[in-house]
Amino acid sequence: MKRSMAVLWLSALLIFVLSACSSDKSNEQKNESGSSPVSSEKQKENGQDKSAASSGKKTKLTYWTFDRHDVEFIQETVDRYNATNQDNIQVEVKSMAENYAQSVDIAFASEQSPDILRPNQDTMIPFMKKNYLEPLDPYLTDEMKQKFGPTFQDQVNRFDGKIYSLPNFGYTLRLVYNQELFEKAGIEKPPTSLAELVADAKKITDVGKANGQYGFALNFKSPKSALDRSAREILQLSGYDGFGFDERMGKFDFTPYKAVIEAFKQMKDDGSMLPGVESLDIDPLRAQFAEGKIGMYLSYSAEPGVYSSQFPAKIKWAAALAPTITGEIKGASGFANSGQWLAISSQSKHKDEAWKFLSYMYSDETLQAYHEKGLGLSAVPAIAAKAKSPELNGVEGFLISKYDALWPLPPAVTVEGLNYGDAFLKYILSGGNLDEIVNDLNNRYNSALEKAIASGEVKVTPDPDFDPMKLQGTMLAK
């Protein structure tokens, strides 16, 4: 009953939002594509071609996003576009932080979708399966193909050979550490191996526990999220996929996780983890770190912005590459959430105009400003190479290096039972037989993979020659 009421409430809310702009959408016309790489559709009235640009009538576009951290920048950029474009295009931004995917579903079901969408790694494949997105290939110039070409990835922004979104920014993953606690514990440099990570966490706890300071923490309230920002980076730098997939064999194998999970369990058993990590979310963790209560954790390059404004840090802190299993780097850290930014709705009646707006948003000027304001590290090598470093404390440790790369995306499967995050956290907290847990995960994930392949939902091609070392340096402009 509660779920039904929630759905009804959400539907009513969306109908209200959409009705507010429905009157503006009536009698809209497509304008001729004066500067677009392809010609716009024309509307005819009384036997003559008329465009919005020539008639003075505005073509209104709606742009839906779920992002919150860049709302001010996006609105300022859109306002500038609205005031300066010569095509009589007016763009309205709607930030929908809650229930974004559900709102998009309802909008498409009622054929009232926005013109421009913001997909990400969680929604891109579902949006593609539902045919929500328009291919951008007819619009891409040779210059844009060269500029964005290094970022094209299958099942990320390229599907069946067609491009549906272009990237803007992404996140590097790093070890974040309290320099003051390191000094207090006599630690000279960040750990480079799991053994050093465990030892350093214990040293910090030994000297700080009386003051409520502990060596390590993760946001284990969301186990998979915690591992995807920690174990993932450790494994990828060690030469293994961070999501339990073996690219060479074309199947799941969580065996490499064992070393990382054992290290995490050791820190928990040693008392080196902040008490209560099993119920700790990421923002409370950040608040504790900013107060000087946590020695180390692993996370994304959003942290400099967090400690600049959301939780102003009262400590000296820095970031470094995560440790590897043995201390030897055999791969590269994955550049996260970087494949998509903006896309055009397949239902839009103004696709050419939407592309003109996207061309503005994907211009060097806009992308460079986004990077330099610290809203996200540019995922476009040509932009990252010429952009100035964001003026944020701690950002230098997160900047893209030869050890950051775009990893192949593992197949998305729906697994029965506990996911790997929940299964591994259960072991960290309560113990058990780790070999049996890994075998169980392998069996269940590969069973789900076989079903997904059989149904045609995913395609998997083993790559016996896959070499994580060859990923190094690929994010840097040549």
Protein backbone atom coordinates (compact mmCIF):
# COMPACT_ATOMS: atom_id res chain seq x y z
CA MET A 1 0.00 0.00 0.00
CA LYS A 2 2.81 2.42 0.91
CA ARG A 3 4.52 1.75 -2.39
CA SER A 4 1.28 2.35 -4.31
CA MET A 5 0.74 5.66 -2.54
CA ALA A 6 4.34 6.65 -3.28
CA VAL A 7 3.89 5.89 -6.97
CA LEU A 8 0.64 7.86 -7.08
CA TRP A 9 2.28 10.80 -5.31
CA LEU A 10 5.23 10.76 -7.68
CA SER A 11 2.95 10.55 -10.72
CA ALA A 12 0.88 13.48 -9.49
CA LEU A 13 3.99 15.52 -8.82
CA LEU A 14 5.35 14.89 -12.29
CA ILE A 15 2.05 15.70 -13.95
CA PHE A 16 2.05 19.02 -12.10
CA VAL A 17 5.63 19.77 -13.20
CA LEU A 18 4.96 18.83 -16.79
CA SER A 19 1.68 20.71 -16.99
CA ALA A 20 3.45 23.89 -15.93
CA CYS A 21 5.39 23.90 -19.16
CA SER A 22 2.84 22.21 -21.47
CA SER A 23 1.33 25.53 -22.53
CA ASP A 24 4.78 26.76 -23.51
CA LYS A 25 5.27 23.74 -25.72
CA SER A 26 2.22 24.33 -27.88
CA ASN A 27 2.72 25.71 -31.36
CA GLU A 28 6.52 25.47 -31.07
CA GLN A 29 8.43 25.27 -34.33
CA LYS A 30 11.79 23.85 -35.28
CA ASN A 31 14.17 26.46 -36.58
CA GLU A 32 16.41 25.95 -39.56
CA SER A 33 19.86 24.62 -38.77
CA GLY A 34 22.04 27.50 -39.87
CA SER A 35 25.21 26.31 -38.13
CA SER A 36 24.38 22.71 -37.31
CA PRO A 37 26.49 19.98 -38.97
CA VAL A 38 23.27 18.57 -40.43
CA SER A 39 20.22 20.38 -41.74
CA SER A 40 17.22 20.87 -39.43
CA GLU A 41 13.71 19.77 -40.27
CA LYS A 42 11.58 22.58 -41.55
CA GLN A 43 8.02 23.36 -40.78
CA LYS A 44 5.84 24.88 -43.46
CA GLU A 45 3.16 27.38 -42.90
CA ASN A 46 1.00 28.74 -45.76
CA GLY A 47 3.41 27.15 -48.23
CA GLN A 48 6.48 28.98 -46.94
CA ASP A 49 9.37 27.73 -44.78
CA LYS A 50 9.54 29.61 -41.53
CA SER A 51 12.09 29.12 -38.72
CA ALA A 52 12.04 30.31 -35.14
CA ALA A 53 15.10 32.41 -35.88
CA SER A 54 13.42 34.24 -38.73
CA SER A 55 10.01 34.57 -37.10
CA GLY A 56 11.32 35.67 -33.71
CA LYS A 57 9.46 32.87 -31.95
CA LYS A 58 11.43 31.01 -29.27
CA THR A 59 12.11 27.30 -29.46
CA LYS A 60 11.92 26.14 -25.87
CA LEU A 61 13.94 23.16 -24.67
CA THR A 62 13.80 21.39 -21.34
CA TYR A 63 16.94 19.96 -19.75
CA TRP A 64 16.63 17.50 -16.85
CA THR A 65 19.52 16.66 -14.55
CA PHE A 66 20.02 14.97 -11.20
CA ASP A 67 23.35 16.70 -10.42
CA ARG A 68 23.39 19.00 -7.41
CA HIS A 69 27.04 19.94 -7.02
CA ASP A 70 27.14 22.00 -10.22
CA VAL A 71 23.67 23.59 -10.18
CA GLU A 72 24.95 27.17 -9.97
CA PHE A 73 27.48 26.73 -12.79
CA ILE A 74 24.96 24.99 -15.07
CA GLN A 75 22.31 27.65 -14.52
CA GLU A 76 24.80 30.45 -15.22
CA THR A 77 25.98 28.68 -18.39
CA VAL A 78 22.41 28.10 -19.60
CA ASP A 79 21.49 31.72 -18.85
CA ARG A 80 24.45 32.88 -20.91
CA TYR A 81 23.44 30.61 -23.79
CA ASN A 82 19.85 31.85 -23.67
CA ALA A 83 21.05 35.45 -23.80
CA THR A 84 23.58 35.04 -26.61
CA ASN A 85 22.48 32.32 -29.03
CA GLN A 86 21.33 33.52 -32.45
CA ASP A 87 18.82 30.71 -32.98
CA ASN A 88 16.04 31.91 -30.68
CA ILE A 89 16.51 28.87 -28.45
CA GLN A 90 15.48 29.06 -24.80
CA VAL A 91 16.62 26.30 -22.44
CA GLU A 92 15.04 25.60 -19.07
CA VAL A 93 16.94 23.52 -16.52
CA LYS A 94 15.15 21.29 -14.02
CA SER A 95 17.27 19.75 -11.26
CA MET A 96 15.54 16.60 -10.03
CA ALA A 97 17.76 15.13 -7.33
CA GLU A 98 15.09 12.76 -6.01
CA ASN A 99 13.46 9.97 -8.05
CA TYR A 100 15.16 11.14 -11.24
CA ALA A 101 15.05 7.81 -13.09
CA GLN A 102 11.42 7.19 -12.13
CA SER A 103 10.48 10.70 -13.25
CA VAL A 104 12.12 10.09 -16.62
CA ASP A 105 10.21 6.82 -16.99
CA ILE A 106 6.89 8.53 -16.31
CA ALA A 107 7.73 11.39 -18.68
CA PHE A 108 8.46 9.00 -21.55
CA ALA A 109 5.39 6.90 -20.81
CA SER A 110 3.25 10.03 -21.11
CA GLU A 111 5.23 11.28 -24.15
CA GLN A 112 6.25 14.43 -22.31
CA SER A 113 9.95 13.76 -21.98
CA PRO A 114 12.53 16.53 -21.66
CA ASP A 115 14.58 17.40 -24.75
CA ILE A 116 17.94 16.95 -23.01
CA LEU A 117 18.71 14.22 -20.46
CA ARG A 118 21.58 13.62 -18.05
CA PRO A 119 22.38 9.86 -18.04
CA ASN A 120 25.13 8.30 -15.90
CA GLN A 121 26.64 4.87 -15.48
CA ASP A 122 23.62 3.65 -13.50
CA THR A 123 20.94 4.89 -15.91
CA MET A 124 22.66 4.74 -19.30
CA ILE A 125 21.96 1.08 -20.06
CA PRO A 126 18.35 1.19 -18.76
CA PHE A 127 17.72 4.32 -20.83
CA MET A 128 19.18 2.61 -23.89
CA LYS A 129 17.07 -0.52 -23.39
CA LYS A 130 13.97 1.66 -23.25
CA ASN A 131 14.97 3.59 -26.40
CA TYR A 132 15.02 6.94 -24.62
CA LEU A 133 18.13 8.34 -26.32
CA GLU A 134 18.88 9.65 -29.81
CA PRO A 135 22.15 8.73 -31.60
CA LEU A 136 24.49 11.71 -31.91
CA ASP A 137 26.52 10.36 -34.84
CA PRO A 138 24.79 12.44 -37.58
CA TYR A 139 25.75 15.58 -35.68
CA LEU A 140 29.36 14.80 -34.78
CA THR A 141 31.96 16.68 -36.83
CA ASP A 142 35.37 15.21 -37.58
CA GLU A 143 36.84 17.64 -35.06
CA MET A 144 34.51 16.40 -32.32
CA LYS A 145 35.21 12.77 -33.16
CA GLN A 146 38.91 13.45 -32.75
CA LYS A 147 38.38 15.37 -29.52
CA PHE A 148 36.10 12.83 -27.83
CA GLY A 149 37.26 9.67 -29.62
CA PRO A 150 39.58 8.45 -26.83
CA THR A 151 36.61 8.44 -24.43
CA PHE A 152 34.26 6.27 -26.51
CA GLN A 153 33.51 2.94 -24.81
CA ASP A 154 31.11 0.14 -25.62
CA GLN A 155 28.23 -0.16 -23.15
CA VAL A 156 29.21 3.24 -21.72
CA ASN A 157 28.44 5.81 -24.41
CA ARG A 158 28.67 3.64 -27.54
CA PHE A 159 26.05 0.99 -28.31
CA ASP A 160 26.01 -1.09 -31.49
CA GLY A 161 28.55 1.30 -32.96
CA LYS A 162 26.53 4.47 -32.30
CA ILE A 163 27.33 7.30 -29.87
CA TYR A 164 24.58 8.44 -27.50
CA SER A 165 26.39 10.76 -25.10
CA LEU A 166 29.72 12.52 -24.74
CA PRO A 167 31.65 12.88 -21.48
CA ASN A 168 32.54 15.96 -19.51
CA PHE A 169 34.02 15.00 -16.16
CA GLY A 170 34.84 11.98 -14.05
CA TYR A 171 36.42 11.01 -10.77
CA THR A 172 39.80 9.60 -9.89
CA LEU A 173 40.04 7.33 -6.86
CA ARG A 174 42.62 7.90 -4.14
CA LEU A 175 43.63 7.18 -0.57
CA VAL A 176 42.68 10.22 1.53
CA TYR A 177 44.79 10.67 4.66
CA ASN A 178 45.20 12.94 7.68
CA GLN A 179 48.74 14.33 7.53
CA GLU A 180 48.66 15.41 11.18
CA LEU A 181 47.81 11.91 12.39
CA PHE A 182 50.51 10.48 10.14
CA GLU A 183 53.05 12.79 11.77
CA LYS A 184 51.75 11.95 15.24
CA ALA A 185 52.11 8.22 14.54
CA GLY A 186 55.56 8.63 12.98
CA ILE A 187 54.42 7.56 9.50
CA GLU A 188 56.54 9.20 6.82
CA LYS A 189 54.53 8.40 3.68
CA PRO A 190 51.21 6.91 2.58
CA PRO A 191 51.09 3.09 2.48
CA THR A 192 51.89 1.41 -0.83
CA SER A 193 50.85 -2.16 0.07
CA LEU A 194 48.01 -3.76 2.00
CA ALA A 195 50.44 -4.83 4.71
CA GLU A 196 51.52 -1.21 5.18
CA LEU A 197 47.88 -0.05 5.19
CA VAL A 198 47.05 -2.44 8.04
CA ALA A 199 50.20 -1.52 10.00
CA ASP A 200 49.68 2.25 9.56
CA ALA A 201 46.05 2.05 10.62
CA LYS A 202 47.12 0.32 13.82
CA LYS A 203 49.86 2.88 14.52
CA ILE A 204 47.39 5.76 14.15
CA THR A 205 44.86 4.05 16.39
CA ASP A 206 47.50 3.32 19.04
CA VAL A 207 48.44 7.00 19.36
CA GLY A 208 44.98 8.47 18.81
CA LYS A 209 42.38 6.15 20.32
CA ALA A 210 42.35 8.02 23.62
CA ASN A 211 41.21 11.09 21.67
CA GLY A 212 38.66 9.17 19.61
CA GLN A 213 40.98 8.92 16.59
CA TYR A 214 41.16 5.73 14.51
CA GLY A 215 43.29 4.62 11.62
CA PHE A 216 40.74 3.70 8.95
CA ALA A 217 37.08 3.93 7.95
CA LEU A 218 34.71 3.18 5.09
CA ASN A 219 31.03 3.96 4.49
CA PHE A 220 29.89 0.40 5.16
CA LYS A 221 26.26 1.44 5.58
CA SER A 222 26.28 0.92 1.80
CA PRO A 223 28.66 -2.06 1.47
CA LYS A 224 28.90 -2.16 -2.31
CA SER A 225 29.43 1.60 -2.48
CA ALA A 226 32.18 1.29 0.13
CA LEU A 227 34.00 -1.43 -1.81
CA ASP A 228 33.51 0.28 -5.16
CA ARG A 229 35.42 3.31 -3.85
CA SER A 230 38.14 1.32 -2.05
CA ALA A 231 38.71 -2.32 -3.01
CA ARG A 232 38.05 -1.35 -6.61
CA GLU A 233 41.03 1.00 -6.78
CA ILE A 234 43.36 -1.34 -4.88
CA LEU A 235 42.50 -4.20 -7.22
CA GLN A 236 42.76 -2.19 -10.44
CA LEU A 237 46.17 -0.83 -9.52
CA SER A 238 47.13 -4.44 -8.72
CA GLY A 239 46.11 -5.54 -12.21
CA TYR A 240 42.62 -6.91 -11.54
CA ASP A 241 39.17 -5.69 -12.49
CA GLY A 242 37.63 -3.82 -9.57
CA PHE A 243 34.18 -5.35 -9.96
CA GLY A 244 35.09 -9.04 -9.86
CA PHE A 245 35.11 -9.61 -13.63
CA ASP A 246 37.94 -11.34 -15.49
CA GLU A 247 38.29 -9.75 -18.94
CA ARG A 248 40.61 -12.49 -20.17
CA MET A 249 38.17 -15.29 -19.35
CA GLY A 250 34.96 -13.36 -19.92
CA LYS A 251 33.45 -14.39 -16.59
CA PHE A 252 33.29 -13.35 -12.95
CA ASP A 253 36.04 -14.31 -10.52
CA PHE A 254 36.13 -12.68 -7.09
CA THR A 255 39.28 -14.52 -5.99
CA PRO A 256 41.51 -11.40 -6.19
CA TYR A 257 39.21 -9.75 -3.64
CA LYS A 258 40.39 -12.13 -0.92
CA ALA A 259 43.58 -10.22 -0.11
CA VAL A 260 41.75 -6.90 0.16
CA ILE A 261 38.90 -8.26 2.28
CA GLU A 262 41.34 -10.02 4.62
CA ALA A 263 43.19 -6.71 5.11
CA PHE A 264 39.94 -4.89 5.87
CA LYS A 265 38.92 -7.63 8.32
CA GLN A 266 42.32 -7.42 10.01
CA MET A 267 41.88 -3.68 10.60
CA LYS A 268 38.40 -4.34 12.02
CA ASP A 269 39.74 -7.11 14.29
CA ASP A 270 42.64 -4.89 15.39
CA GLY A 271 40.22 -2.18 16.44
CA SER A 272 41.81 0.14 13.86
CA MET A 273 38.51 1.00 12.19
CA LEU A 274 36.29 3.78 13.46
CA PRO A 275 33.66 2.14 15.68
CA GLY A 276 30.26 1.77 14.03
CA VAL A 277 31.51 1.67 10.40
CA GLU A 278 28.79 -0.85 9.57
CA SER A 279 26.21 1.94 9.92
CA LEU A 280 28.39 4.79 8.64
CA ASP A 281 27.30 6.67 5.51
CA ILE A 282 29.72 8.70 3.38
CA ASP A 283 28.78 12.19 4.59
CA PRO A 284 29.03 11.33 8.30
CA LEU A 285 32.38 9.72 7.49
CA ARG A 286 33.54 12.91 5.82
CA ALA A 287 32.38 14.96 8.78
CA GLN A 288 34.42 12.75 11.12
CA PHE A 289 37.47 13.00 8.88
CA ALA A 290 37.17 16.80 8.73
CA GLU A 291 37.19 16.84 12.54
CA GLY A 292 40.41 14.80 12.64
CA LYS A 293 38.91 11.50 13.87
CA ILE A 294 39.92 9.28 10.91
CA GLY A 295 43.44 8.59 9.66
CA MET A 296 42.66 7.16 6.22
CA TYR A 297 39.87 6.20 3.84
CA LEU A 298 39.46 5.75 0.08
CA SER A 299 37.17 7.80 -2.12
CA TYR A 300 36.60 9.87 -5.23
CA SER A 301 38.01 13.20 -6.37
CA ALA A 302 34.87 14.96 -5.13
CA GLU A 303 36.56 15.23 -1.72
CA PRO A 304 38.46 18.53 -2.27
CA GLY A 305 35.17 20.29 -2.94
CA VAL A 306 33.57 18.61 0.07
CA TYR A 307 36.30 19.80 2.42
CA SER A 308 36.27 23.26 0.92
CA SER A 309 32.58 23.97 1.49
CA GLN A 310 30.39 21.15 2.78
CA PHE A 311 32.63 20.03 5.66
CA PRO A 312 35.45 22.57 6.01
CA ALA A 313 38.49 20.56 7.12
CA LYS A 314 40.06 21.48 10.44
CA ILE A 315 43.14 19.40 9.65
CA LYS A 316 45.94 19.11 7.13
CA TRP A 317 45.08 16.38 4.69
CA ALA A 318 46.20 15.04 1.32
CA ALA A 319 45.52 12.28 -1.20
CA ALA A 320 47.73 9.63 -2.79
CA LEU A 321 47.41 6.57 -4.97
CA ALA A 322 45.82 3.67 -3.15
CA PRO A 323 48.06 0.86 -1.96
CA THR A 324 48.23 -2.28 -4.06
CA ILE A 325 48.08 -5.87 -2.84
CA THR A 326 51.85 -6.35 -2.84
CA GLY A 327 53.15 -2.81 -3.22
CA GLU A 328 53.77 -3.27 -6.94
CA ILE A 329 51.62 -1.38 -9.48
CA LYS A 330 50.46 -3.75 -12.22
CA GLY A 331 47.58 -1.79 -13.70
CA ALA A 332 45.77 1.53 -13.45
CA SER A 333 43.08 3.03 -11.26
CA GLY A 334 39.69 3.32 -12.96
CA PHE A 335 38.46 6.77 -13.91
CA ALA A 336 34.90 6.63 -12.56
CA ASN A 337 31.51 7.89 -13.81
CA SER A 338 33.13 9.52 -16.80
CA GLY A 339 31.50 8.20 -19.96
CA GLN A 340 28.30 10.22 -20.11
CA TRP A 341 27.06 13.72 -19.51
CA LEU A 342 24.32 15.02 -21.83
CA ALA A 343 22.04 13.23 -24.30
CA ILE A 344 19.10 14.07 -26.58
CA SER A 345 15.69 12.54 -26.00
CA SER A 346 14.41 10.27 -28.75
CA GLN A 347 10.99 11.90 -28.21
CA SER A 348 12.21 15.47 -28.61
CA LYS A 349 10.51 17.43 -31.38
CA HIS A 350 13.53 19.75 -31.48
CA LYS A 351 16.53 17.46 -31.88
CA ASP A 352 18.51 19.84 -34.10
CA GLU A 353 18.02 22.69 -31.66
CA ALA A 354 18.94 20.39 -28.79
CA TRP A 355 22.17 19.57 -30.59
CA LYS A 356 22.98 23.26 -30.97
CA PHE A 357 22.68 23.59 -27.21
CA LEU A 358 24.79 20.47 -26.63
CA SER A 359 27.45 21.91 -28.95
CA TYR A 360 27.63 24.94 -26.67
CA MET A 361 27.84 22.82 -23.52
CA TYR A 362 30.53 20.62 -25.05
CA SER A 363 32.63 23.54 -26.26
CA ASP A 364 36.20 23.82 -25.03
CA GLU A 365 35.29 26.98 -23.12
CA THR A 366 32.51 25.35 -21.12
CA LEU A 367 34.35 22.09 -20.43
CA GLN A 368 37.52 23.91 -19.41
CA ALA A 369 35.64 26.20 -17.02
CA TYR A 370 33.89 23.20 -15.46
CA HIS A 371 37.26 21.58 -14.74
CA GLU A 372 38.98 24.73 -13.49
CA LYS A 373 36.16 25.52 -11.06
CA GLY A 374 36.73 22.15 -9.43
CA LEU A 375 33.32 20.72 -10.34
CA GLY A 376 34.88 17.59 -11.80
CA LEU A 377 38.14 16.51 -13.42
CA SER A 378 37.86 16.61 -17.19
CA ALA A 379 37.43 13.22 -18.82
CA VAL A 380 38.45 14.68 -22.19
CA PRO A 381 42.24 14.39 -22.64
CA ALA A 382 42.47 17.50 -24.86
CA ILE A 383 40.72 19.59 -22.19
CA ALA A 384 42.62 18.12 -19.24
CA ALA A 385 45.91 18.86 -21.01
CA LYS A 386 45.32 22.60 -21.33
CA ALA A 387 43.07 23.37 -18.36
CA LYS A 388 44.50 24.92 -15.23
CA SER A 389 44.40 22.90 -12.04
CA PRO A 390 41.34 23.68 -9.91
CA GLU A 391 42.13 26.00 -7.02
CA LEU A 392 41.06 23.62 -4.26
CA ASN A 393 43.12 22.41 -1.35
CA GLY A 394 44.05 18.75 -1.78
CA VAL A 395 43.10 18.52 -5.44
CA GLU A 396 46.70 18.01 -6.52
CA GLY A 397 46.62 14.46 -5.17
CA PHE A 398 43.60 13.63 -7.35
CA LEU A 399 44.83 14.99 -10.69
CA ILE A 400 44.91 12.53 -13.57
CA SER A 401 48.23 10.69 -13.92
CA LYS A 402 49.60 7.80 -15.94
CA TYR A 403 48.03 5.50 -13.35
CA ASP A 404 44.45 6.49 -14.19
CA ALA A 405 42.53 4.83 -17.02
CA LEU A 406 39.16 3.92 -18.48
CA TRP A 407 38.65 0.25 -17.69
CA PRO A 408 36.31 -1.92 -19.78
CA LEU A 409 32.87 -1.93 -18.23
CA PRO A 410 31.92 -5.33 -16.73
CA PRO A 411 28.58 -6.81 -17.81
CA ALA A 412 25.58 -5.71 -15.77
CA VAL A 413 23.80 -8.70 -14.24
CA THR A 414 21.00 -9.21 -11.73
CA VAL A 415 22.28 -11.68 -9.16
CA GLU A 416 20.14 -13.68 -6.77
CA GLY A 417 21.03 -13.44 -3.10
CA LEU A 418 23.63 -11.16 -1.51
CA ASN A 419 25.70 -8.97 -3.79
CA TYR A 420 29.46 -8.98 -3.30
CA GLY A 421 29.37 -5.89 -1.08
CA ASP A 422 26.93 -7.41 1.40
CA ALA A 423 28.65 -10.81 1.34
CA PHE A 424 32.11 -9.41 2.02
CA LEU A 425 30.93 -7.02 4.74
CA LYS A 426 29.27 -9.94 6.52
CA TYR A 427 32.64 -11.69 6.55
CA ILE A 428 34.50 -8.59 7.77
CA LEU A 429 32.10 -8.21 10.68
CA SER A 430 31.35 -11.82 11.59
CA GLY A 431 34.01 -14.01 9.97
CA GLY A 432 33.37 -17.29 8.22
CA ASN A 433 35.02 -19.19 5.38
CA LEU A 434 36.22 -16.66 2.81
CA ASP A 435 36.97 -19.32 0.19
CA GLU A 436 33.40 -20.56 0.38
CA ILE A 437 32.07 -17.01 0.14
CA VAL A 438 34.15 -16.35 -2.99
CA ASN A 439 33.09 -19.63 -4.60
CA ASP A 440 29.45 -18.85 -3.87
CA LEU A 441 29.78 -15.37 -5.40
CA ASN A 442 31.48 -16.80 -8.48
CA ASN A 443 28.73 -19.37 -8.97
CA ARG A 444 25.85 -16.94 -8.50
CA TYR A 445 27.32 -14.12 -10.57
CA ASN A 446 28.29 -16.42 -13.44
CA SER A 447 24.86 -18.05 -13.35
CA ALA A 448 23.32 -14.59 -13.68
CA LEU A 449 25.76 -13.80 -16.48
CA GLU A 450 24.79 -16.93 -18.40
CA LYS A 451 21.12 -16.02 -18.14
CA ALA A 452 21.81 -12.45 -19.31
CA ILE A 453 23.80 -13.73 -22.30
CA ALA A 454 21.12 -16.28 -23.20
CA SER A 455 18.42 -13.60 -23.10
CA GLY A 456 20.48 -11.27 -25.27
CA GLU A 457 20.72 -8.61 -22.56
CA VAL A 458 24.53 -8.61 -22.57
CA LYS A 459 27.29 -9.67 -24.90
CA VAL A 460 30.58 -10.97 -23.56
CA THR A 461 33.72 -11.59 -25.60
CA PRO A 462 36.72 -12.96 -23.70
CA ASP A 463 39.95 -11.05 -24.35
CA PRO A 464 42.91 -13.40 -23.67
CA ASP A 465 45.35 -10.59 -24.54
CA PHE A 466 43.92 -8.05 -22.08
CA ASP A 467 46.82 -6.38 -20.25
CA PRO A 468 46.07 -3.86 -17.45
CA MET A 469 49.59 -2.44 -17.77
CA LYS A 470 48.72 -1.17 -21.26
CA LEU A 471 46.03 1.04 -19.73
CA GLN A 472 48.65 3.24 -18.10
CA GLY A 473 48.99 6.66 -19.68
CA THR A 474 45.88 6.35 -21.85
CA MET A 475 44.06 9.20 -20.08
CA LEU A 476 46.82 11.67 -20.88
CA ALA A 477 46.69 13.69 -24.13
CA LYS A 478 49.23 12.55 -26.68
